[in-house]
Amino acid sequence: MVTIEFSAQEKSEIVDKIQKYFNDELEQDIGQFDAEFLLDFFSEKVGAYYYNRGLEDARIVIEKNLDKVTDALYEIEQPTT
């Protein structure tokens, strides 16, 4: 399986969101190290579910558009008899 890695900027933004969530929703402060550890845990243990769902969503969009292209090709096909 391909390892999903975030850029430093992306990781920083996600860590900030984790810290904000803990503060706003749980009324707990969480340090940067702990937030990064939590991000790594979810990325490793749960990330594949989200990744696979994204792939399935993309597959559905591609299949629908491929059907449209196929239909359009049949519409412009010229008779041969």
PDB file of N, CA and C in Angstrom:
ATOM      1  N   MET A   1       0.838  -1.178   0.000  1.00  0.00           N
ATOM      2  CA  MET A   1       0.000   0.000   0.000  1.00  0.00           C
ATOM      3  C   MET A   1       0.883   1.240   0.000  1.00  0.00           C
ATOM      4  N   VAL A   2       0.428   2.244  -0.702  1.00  0.00           N
ATOM      5  CA  VAL A   2       1.143   3.509  -0.772  1.00  0.00           C
ATOM      6  C   VAL A   2       0.973   4.258   0.551  1.00  0.00           C
ATOM      7  N   THR A   3       2.075   4.760   1.077  1.00  0.00           N
ATOM      8  CA  THR A   3       2.011   5.547   2.299  1.00  0.00           C
ATOM      9  C   THR A   3       1.589   6.961   1.952  1.00  0.00           C
ATOM     10  N   ILE A   4       0.578   7.448   2.644  1.00  0.00           N
ATOM     11  CA  ILE A   4       0.106   8.803   2.418  1.00  0.00           C
ATOM     12  C   ILE A   4       0.875   9.730   3.346  1.00  0.00           C
ATOM     13  N   GLU A   5       1.537  10.700   2.757  1.00  0.00           N
ATOM     14  CA  GLU A   5       2.308  11.649   3.546  1.00  0.00           C
ATOM     15  C   GLU A   5       1.800  13.053   3.276  1.00  0.00           C
ATOM     16  N   PHE A   6       1.726  13.839   4.328  1.00  0.00           N
ATOM     17  CA  PHE A   6       1.300  15.222   4.214  1.00  0.00           C
ATOM     18  C   PHE A   6       2.524  16.122   4.176  1.00  0.00           C
ATOM     19  N   SER A   7       2.385  17.235   3.482  1.00  0.00           N
ATOM     20  CA  SER A   7       3.457  18.230   3.502  1.00  0.00           C
ATOM     21  C   SER A   7       3.529  18.817   4.906  1.00  0.00           C
ATOM     22  N   ALA A   8       4.610  19.508   5.195  1.00  0.00           N
ATOM     23  CA  ALA A   8       4.764  20.139   6.513  1.00  0.00           C
ATOM     24  C   ALA A   8       3.629  21.123   6.767  1.00  0.00           C
ATOM     25  N   GLN A   9       3.236  21.863   5.744  1.00  0.00           N
ATOM     26  CA  GLN A   9       2.146  22.832   5.864  1.00  0.00           C
ATOM     27  C   GLN A   9       0.823  22.122   6.161  1.00  0.00           C
ATOM     28  N   GLU A  10       0.529  21.062   5.416  1.00  0.00           N
ATOM     29  CA  GLU A  10      -0.708  20.313   5.646  1.00  0.00           C
ATOM     30  C   GLU A  10      -0.745  19.726   7.049  1.00  0.00           C
ATOM     31  N   LYS A  11       0.369  19.130   7.453  1.00  0.00           N
ATOM     32  CA  LYS A  11       0.428  18.527   8.784  1.00  0.00           C
ATOM     33  C   LYS A  11       0.224  19.585   9.865  1.00  0.00           C
ATOM     34  N   SER A  12       0.817  20.740   9.683  1.00  0.00           N
ATOM     35  CA  SER A  12       0.659  21.825  10.643  1.00  0.00           C
ATOM     36  C   SER A  12      -0.803  22.260  10.738  1.00  0.00           C
ATOM     37  N   GLU A  13      -1.467  22.378   9.596  1.00  0.00           N
ATOM     38  CA  GLU A  13      -2.877  22.777   9.580  1.00  0.00           C
ATOM     39  C   GLU A  13      -3.758  21.730  10.260  1.00  0.00           C
ATOM     40  N   ILE A  14      -3.490  20.453  10.006  1.00  0.00           N
ATOM     41  CA  ILE A  14      -4.276  19.385  10.619  1.00  0.00           C
ATOM     42  C   ILE A  14      -4.056  19.356  12.128  1.00  0.00           C
ATOM     43  N   VAL A  15      -2.813  19.497  12.544  1.00  0.00           N
ATOM     44  CA  VAL A  15      -2.496  19.521  13.982  1.00  0.00           C
ATOM     45  C   VAL A  15      -3.215  20.685  14.650  1.00  0.00           C
ATOM     46  N   ASP A  16      -3.223  21.841  14.003  1.00  0.00           N
ATOM     47  CA  ASP A  16      -3.949  22.991  14.552  1.00  0.00           C
ATOM     48  C   ASP A  16      -5.435  22.671  14.715  1.00  0.00           C
ATOM     49  N   LYS A  17      -6.013  22.000  13.736  1.00  0.00           N
ATOM     50  CA  LYS A  17      -7.433  21.640  13.804  1.00  0.00           C
ATOM     51  C   LYS A  17      -7.695  20.646  14.943  1.00  0.00           C
ATOM     52  N   ILE A  18      -6.785  19.708  15.147  1.00  0.00           N
ATOM     53  CA  ILE A  18      -6.926  18.750  16.250  1.00  0.00           C
ATOM     54  C   ILE A  18      -6.876  19.499  17.579  1.00  0.00           C
ATOM     55  N   GLN A  19      -5.908  20.381  17.708  1.00  0.00           N
ATOM     56  CA  GLN A  19      -5.792  21.144  18.954  1.00  0.00           C
ATOM     57  C   GLN A  19      -7.038  22.005  19.194  1.00  0.00           C
ATOM     58  N   LYS A  20      -7.546  22.626  18.138  1.00  0.00           N
ATOM     59  CA  LYS A  20      -8.746  23.456  18.266  1.00  0.00           C
ATOM     60  C   LYS A  20      -9.940  22.594  18.658  1.00  0.00           C
ATOM     61  N   TYR A  21     -10.073  21.414  18.054  1.00  0.00           N
ATOM     62  CA  TYR A  21     -11.180  20.523  18.390  1.00  0.00           C
ATOM     63  C   TYR A  21     -11.136  20.130  19.869  1.00  0.00           C
ATOM     64  N   PHE A  22      -9.983  19.721  20.321  1.00  0.00           N
ATOM     65  CA  PHE A  22      -9.843  19.331  21.729  1.00  0.00           C
ATOM     66  C   PHE A  22     -10.198  20.490  22.650  1.00  0.00           C
ATOM     67  N   ASN A  23      -9.761  21.682  22.282  1.00  0.00           N
ATOM     68  CA  ASN A  23     -10.031  22.850  23.110  1.00  0.00           C
ATOM     69  C   ASN A  23     -11.516  23.218  23.082  1.00  0.00           C
ATOM     70  N   ASP A  24     -12.107  23.303  21.884  1.00  0.00           N
ATOM     71  CA  ASP A  24     -13.489  23.764  21.733  1.00  0.00           C
ATOM     72  C   ASP A  24     -14.520  22.734  22.174  1.00  0.00           C
ATOM     73  N   GLU A  25     -14.315  21.483  21.806  1.00  0.00           N
ATOM     74  CA  GLU A  25     -15.328  20.457  22.037  1.00  0.00           C
ATOM     75  C   GLU A  25     -15.125  19.682  23.337  1.00  0.00           C
ATOM     76  N   LEU A  26     -13.885  19.485  23.713  1.00  0.00           N
ATOM     77  CA  LEU A  26     -13.606  18.657  24.893  1.00  0.00           C
ATOM     78  C   LEU A  26     -13.088  19.473  26.070  1.00  0.00           C
ATOM     79  N   GLU A  27     -12.881  20.763  25.797  1.00  0.00           N
ATOM     80  CA  GLU A  27     -12.348  21.666  26.811  1.00  0.00           C
ATOM     81  C   GLU A  27     -11.057  21.124  27.442  1.00  0.00           C
ATOM     82  N   GLN A  28     -10.196  20.603  26.562  1.00  0.00           N
ATOM     83  CA  GLN A  28      -8.898  20.075  26.985  1.00  0.00           C
ATOM     84  C   GLN A  28      -7.820  20.662  26.088  1.00  0.00           C
ATOM     85  N   ASP A  29      -6.717  20.994  26.687  1.00  0.00           N
ATOM     86  CA  ASP A  29      -5.572  21.433  25.906  1.00  0.00           C
ATOM     87  C   ASP A  29      -4.772  20.199  25.507  1.00  0.00           C
ATOM     88  N   ILE A  30      -4.326  20.202  24.277  1.00  0.00           N
ATOM     89  CA  ILE A  30      -3.490  19.109  23.779  1.00  0.00           C
ATOM     90  C   ILE A  30      -2.278  19.756  23.121  1.00  0.00           C
ATOM     91  N   GLY A  31      -1.111  19.290  23.477  1.00  0.00           N
ATOM     92  CA  GLY A  31       0.121  19.853  22.930  1.00  0.00           C
ATOM     93  C   GLY A  31       0.340  19.426  21.492  1.00  0.00           C
ATOM     94  N   GLN A  32       1.273  20.097  20.855  1.00  0.00           N
ATOM     95  CA  GLN A  32       1.573  19.798  19.456  1.00  0.00           C
ATOM     96  C   GLN A  32       2.051  18.357  19.285  1.00  0.00           C
ATOM     97  N   PHE A  33       2.923  17.902  20.178  1.00  0.00           N
ATOM     98  CA  PHE A  33       3.440  16.539  20.073  1.00  0.00           C
ATOM     99  C   PHE A  33       2.307  15.519  20.155  1.00  0.00           C
ATOM    100  N   ASP A  34       1.412  15.703  21.137  1.00  0.00           N
ATOM    101  CA  ASP A  34       0.295  14.774  21.291  1.00  0.00           C
ATOM    102  C   ASP A  34      -0.658  14.829  20.105  1.00  0.00           C
ATOM    103  N   ALA A  35      -0.880  16.025  19.569  1.00  0.00           N
ATOM    104  CA  ALA A  35      -1.749  16.169  18.406  1.00  0.00           C
ATOM    105  C   ALA A  35      -1.125  15.489  17.183  1.00  0.00           C
ATOM    106  N   GLU A  36       0.180  15.625  17.013  1.00  0.00           N
ATOM    107  CA  GLU A  36       0.865  14.947  15.908  1.00  0.00           C
ATOM    108  C   GLU A  36       0.804  13.434  16.086  1.00  0.00           C
ATOM    109  N   PHE A  37       0.978  12.970  17.319  1.00  0.00           N
ATOM    110  CA  PHE A  37       0.892  11.543  17.610  1.00  0.00           C
ATOM    111  C   PHE A  37      -0.502  11.020  17.271  1.00  0.00           C
ATOM    112  N   LEU A  38      -1.542  11.775  17.626  1.00  0.00           N
ATOM    113  CA  LEU A  38      -2.914  11.388  17.333  1.00  0.00           C
ATOM    114  C   LEU A  38      -3.149  11.362  15.821  1.00  0.00           C
ATOM    115  N   LEU A  39      -2.632  12.364  15.124  1.00  0.00           N
ATOM    116  CA  LEU A  39      -2.745  12.397  13.669  1.00  0.00           C
ATOM    117  C   LEU A  39      -2.079  11.176  13.048  1.00  0.00           C
ATOM    118  N   ASP A  40      -0.880  10.845  13.492  1.00  0.00           N
ATOM    119  CA  ASP A  40      -0.180   9.674  12.960  1.00  0.00           C
ATOM    120  C   ASP A  40      -0.963   8.395  13.230  1.00  0.00           C
ATOM    121  N   PHE A  41      -1.548   8.291  14.422  1.00  0.00           N
ATOM    122  CA  PHE A  41      -2.345   7.115  14.767  1.00  0.00           C
ATOM    123  C   PHE A  41      -3.543   6.973  13.833  1.00  0.00           C
ATOM    124  N   PHE A  42      -4.305   8.058  13.667  1.00  0.00           N
ATOM    125  CA  PHE A  42      -5.479   7.985  12.797  1.00  0.00           C
ATOM    126  C   PHE A  42      -5.086   7.771  11.341  1.00  0.00           C
ATOM    127  N   SER A  43      -4.002   8.370  10.923  1.00  0.00           N
ATOM    128  CA  SER A  43      -3.539   8.176   9.548  1.00  0.00           C
ATOM    129  C   SER A  43      -3.220   6.708   9.298  1.00  0.00           C
ATOM    130  N   GLU A  44      -2.556   6.083  10.259  1.00  0.00           N
ATOM    131  CA  GLU A  44      -2.154   4.690  10.107  1.00  0.00           C
ATOM    132  C   GLU A  44      -3.330   3.729  10.242  1.00  0.00           C
ATOM    133  N   LYS A  45      -4.195   3.957  11.221  1.00  0.00           N
ATOM    134  CA  LYS A  45      -5.249   2.991  11.532  1.00  0.00           C
ATOM    135  C   LYS A  45      -6.574   3.246  10.820  1.00  0.00           C
ATOM    136  N   VAL A  46      -6.865   4.501  10.479  1.00  0.00           N
ATOM    137  CA  VAL A  46      -8.164   4.844   9.909  1.00  0.00           C
ATOM    138  C   VAL A  46      -8.041   5.441   8.506  1.00  0.00           C
ATOM    139  N   GLY A  47      -6.900   5.992   8.199  1.00  0.00           N
ATOM    140  CA  GLY A  47      -6.711   6.700   6.939  1.00  0.00           C
ATOM    141  C   GLY A  47      -7.074   5.894   5.708  1.00  0.00           C
ATOM    142  N   ALA A  48      -6.789   4.611   5.716  1.00  0.00           N
ATOM    143  CA  ALA A  48      -7.072   3.778   4.542  1.00  0.00           C
ATOM    144  C   ALA A  48      -8.564   3.732   4.229  1.00  0.00           C
ATOM    145  N   TYR A  49      -9.408   3.797   5.245  1.00  0.00           N
ATOM    146  CA  TYR A  49     -10.858   3.795   5.011  1.00  0.00           C
ATOM    147  C   TYR A  49     -11.269   5.045   4.225  1.00  0.00           C
ATOM    148  N   TYR A  50     -10.746   6.200   4.637  1.00  0.00           N
ATOM    149  CA  TYR A  50     -11.055   7.440   3.935  1.00  0.00           C
ATOM    150  C   TYR A  50     -10.446   7.451   2.531  1.00  0.00           C
ATOM    151  N   TYR A  51      -9.241   6.960   2.426  1.00  0.00           N
ATOM    152  CA  TYR A  51      -8.568   6.894   1.133  1.00  0.00           C
ATOM    153  C   TYR A  51      -9.356   6.011   0.160  1.00  0.00           C
ATOM    154  N   ASN A  52      -9.743   4.841   0.637  1.00  0.00           N
ATOM    155  CA  ASN A  52     -10.496   3.915  -0.208  1.00  0.00           C
ATOM    156  C   ASN A  52     -11.853   4.480  -0.596  1.00  0.00           C
ATOM    157  N   ARG A  53     -12.510   5.189   0.317  1.00  0.00           N
ATOM    158  CA  ARG A  53     -13.793   5.816  -0.013  1.00  0.00           C
ATOM    159  C   ARG A  53     -13.588   6.873  -1.097  1.00  0.00           C
ATOM    160  N   GLY A  54     -12.515   7.640  -1.000  1.00  0.00           N
ATOM    161  CA  GLY A  54     -12.202   8.634  -2.020  1.00  0.00           C
ATOM    162  C   GLY A  54     -11.964   7.996  -3.376  1.00  0.00           C
ATOM    163  N   LEU A  55     -11.260   6.873  -3.381  1.00  0.00           N
ATOM    164  CA  LEU A  55     -11.037   6.154  -4.634  1.00  0.00           C
ATOM    165  C   LEU A  55     -12.353   5.650  -5.221  1.00  0.00           C
ATOM    166  N   GLU A  56     -13.226   5.119  -4.373  1.00  0.00           N
ATOM    167  CA  GLU A  56     -14.522   4.616  -4.842  1.00  0.00           C
ATOM    168  C   GLU A  56     -15.364   5.759  -5.397  1.00  0.00           C
ATOM    169  N   ASP A  57     -15.371   6.901  -4.719  1.00  0.00           N
ATOM    170  CA  ASP A  57     -16.104   8.072  -5.215  1.00  0.00           C
ATOM    171  C   ASP A  57     -15.559   8.506  -6.572  1.00  0.00           C
ATOM    172  N   ALA A  58     -14.235   8.525  -6.716  1.00  0.00           N
ATOM    173  CA  ALA A  58     -13.615   8.906  -7.988  1.00  0.00           C
ATOM    174  C   ALA A  58     -13.967   7.895  -9.071  1.00  0.00           C
ATOM    175  N   ARG A  59     -13.963   6.611  -8.729  1.00  0.00           N
ATOM    176  CA  ARG A  59     -14.299   5.556  -9.681  1.00  0.00           C
ATOM    177  C   ARG A  59     -15.724   5.744 -10.201  1.00  0.00           C
ATOM    178  N   ILE A  60     -16.655   6.078  -9.309  1.00  0.00           N
ATOM    179  CA  ILE A  60     -18.050   6.279  -9.706  1.00  0.00           C
ATOM    180  C   ILE A  60     -18.173   7.458 -10.666  1.00  0.00           C
ATOM    181  N   VAL A  61     -17.484   8.559 -10.365  1.00  0.00           N
ATOM    182  CA  VAL A  61     -17.527   9.745 -11.230  1.00  0.00           C
ATOM    183  C   VAL A  61     -16.962   9.402 -12.606  1.00  0.00           C
ATOM    184  N   ILE A  62     -15.849   8.688 -12.629  1.00  0.00           N
ATOM    185  CA  ILE A  62     -15.226   8.324 -13.911  1.00  0.00           C
ATOM    186  C   ILE A  62     -16.146   7.418 -14.711  1.00  0.00           C
ATOM    187  N   GLU A  63     -16.766   6.437 -14.066  1.00  0.00           N
ATOM    188  CA  GLU A  63     -17.670   5.527 -14.776  1.00  0.00           C
ATOM    189  C   GLU A  63     -18.861   6.276 -15.372  1.00  0.00           C
ATOM    190  N   LYS A  64     -19.436   7.218 -14.606  1.00  0.00           N
ATOM    191  CA  LYS A  64     -20.572   7.994 -15.122  1.00  0.00           C
ATOM    192  C   LYS A  64     -20.149   8.816 -16.330  1.00  0.00           C
ATOM    193  N   ASN A  65     -18.981   9.450 -16.232  1.00  0.00           N
ATOM    194  CA  ASN A  65     -18.515  10.268 -17.350  1.00  0.00           C
ATOM    195  C   ASN A  65     -18.117   9.421 -18.541  1.00  0.00           C
ATOM    196  N   LEU A  66     -17.589   8.240 -18.291  1.00  0.00           N
ATOM    197  CA  LEU A  66     -17.246   7.345 -19.392  1.00  0.00           C
ATOM    198  C   LEU A  66     -18.510   6.897 -20.116  1.00  0.00           C
ATOM    199  N   ASP A  67     -19.581   6.661 -19.369  1.00  0.00           N
ATOM    200  CA  ASP A  67     -20.861   6.320 -19.998  1.00  0.00           C
ATOM    201  C   ASP A  67     -21.332   7.453 -20.898  1.00  0.00           C
ATOM    202  N   LYS A  68     -21.172   8.700 -20.454  1.00  0.00           N
ATOM    203  CA  LYS A  68     -21.564   9.853 -21.265  1.00  0.00           C
ATOM    204  C   LYS A  68     -20.736   9.925 -22.542  1.00  0.00           C
ATOM    205  N   VAL A  69     -19.444   9.670 -22.421  1.00  0.00           N
ATOM    206  CA  VAL A  69     -18.567   9.702 -23.596  1.00  0.00           C
ATOM    207  C   VAL A  69     -18.966   8.591 -24.568  1.00  0.00           C
ATOM    208  N   THR A  70     -19.220   7.409 -24.044  1.00  0.00           N
ATOM    209  CA  THR A  70     -19.628   6.290 -24.892  1.00  0.00           C
ATOM    210  C   THR A  70     -20.922   6.625 -25.626  1.00  0.00           C
ATOM    211  N   ASP A  71     -21.896   7.186 -24.901  1.00  0.00           N
ATOM    212  CA  ASP A  71     -23.156   7.582 -25.528  1.00  0.00           C
ATOM    213  C   ASP A  71     -22.922   8.631 -26.613  1.00  0.00           C
ATOM    214  N   ALA A  72     -22.074   9.600 -26.350  1.00  0.00           N
ATOM    215  CA  ALA A  72     -21.780  10.653 -27.326  1.00  0.00           C
ATOM    216  C   ALA A  72     -21.122  10.069 -28.567  1.00  0.00           C
ATOM    217  N   LEU A  73     -20.266   9.088 -28.398  1.00  0.00           N
ATOM    218  CA  LEU A  73     -19.620   8.446 -29.550  1.00  0.00           C
ATOM    219  C   LEU A  73     -20.639   7.693 -30.400  1.00  0.00           C
ATOM    220  N   TYR A  74     -21.573   7.006 -29.754  1.00  0.00           N
ATOM    221  CA  TYR A  74     -22.623   6.321 -30.504  1.00  0.00           C
ATOM    222  C   TYR A  74     -23.497   7.316 -31.260  1.00  0.00           C
ATOM    223  N   GLU A  75     -23.741   8.490 -30.695  1.00  0.00           N
ATOM    224  CA  GLU A  75     -24.568   9.502 -31.331  1.00  0.00           C
ATOM    225  C   GLU A  75     -23.936  10.043 -32.599  1.00  0.00           C
ATOM    226  N   ILE A  76     -22.645  10.114 -32.660  1.00  0.00           N
ATOM    227  CA  ILE A  76     -21.991  10.681 -33.860  1.00  0.00           C
ATOM    228  C   ILE A  76     -21.511   9.611 -34.828  1.00  0.00           C
ATOM    229  N   GLU A  77     -21.779   8.363 -34.503  1.00  0.00           N
ATOM    230  CA  GLU A  77     -21.367   7.270 -35.389  1.00  0.00           C
ATOM    231  C   GLU A  77     -22.158   7.370 -36.689  1.00  0.00           C
ATOM    232  N   GLN A  78     -21.442   7.171 -37.785  1.00  0.00           N
ATOM    233  CA  GLN A  78     -22.052   7.269 -39.117  1.00  0.00           C
ATOM    234  C   GLN A  78     -22.509   5.882 -39.607  1.00  0.00           C
ATOM    235  N   PRO A  79     -23.651   5.837 -40.295  1.00  0.00           N
ATOM    236  CA  PRO A  79     -24.094   4.542 -40.827  1.00  0.00           C
ATOM    237  C   PRO A  79     -23.141   4.047 -41.921  1.00  0.00           C
ATOM    238  N   THR A  80     -22.996   2.766 -42.027  1.00  0.00           N
ATOM    239  CA  THR A  80     -22.088   2.189 -43.028  1.00  0.00           C
ATOM    240  C   THR A  80     -22.808   1.435 -44.118  1.00  0.00           C
ATOM    241  N   THR A  81     -24.121   1.427 -44.066  1.00  0.00           N
ATOM    242  CA  THR A  81     -24.853   0.730 -45.122  1.00  0.00           C
ATOM    243  C   THR A  81     -25.748   1.652 -45.888  1.00  0.00           C
TER     244      THR A  81
END
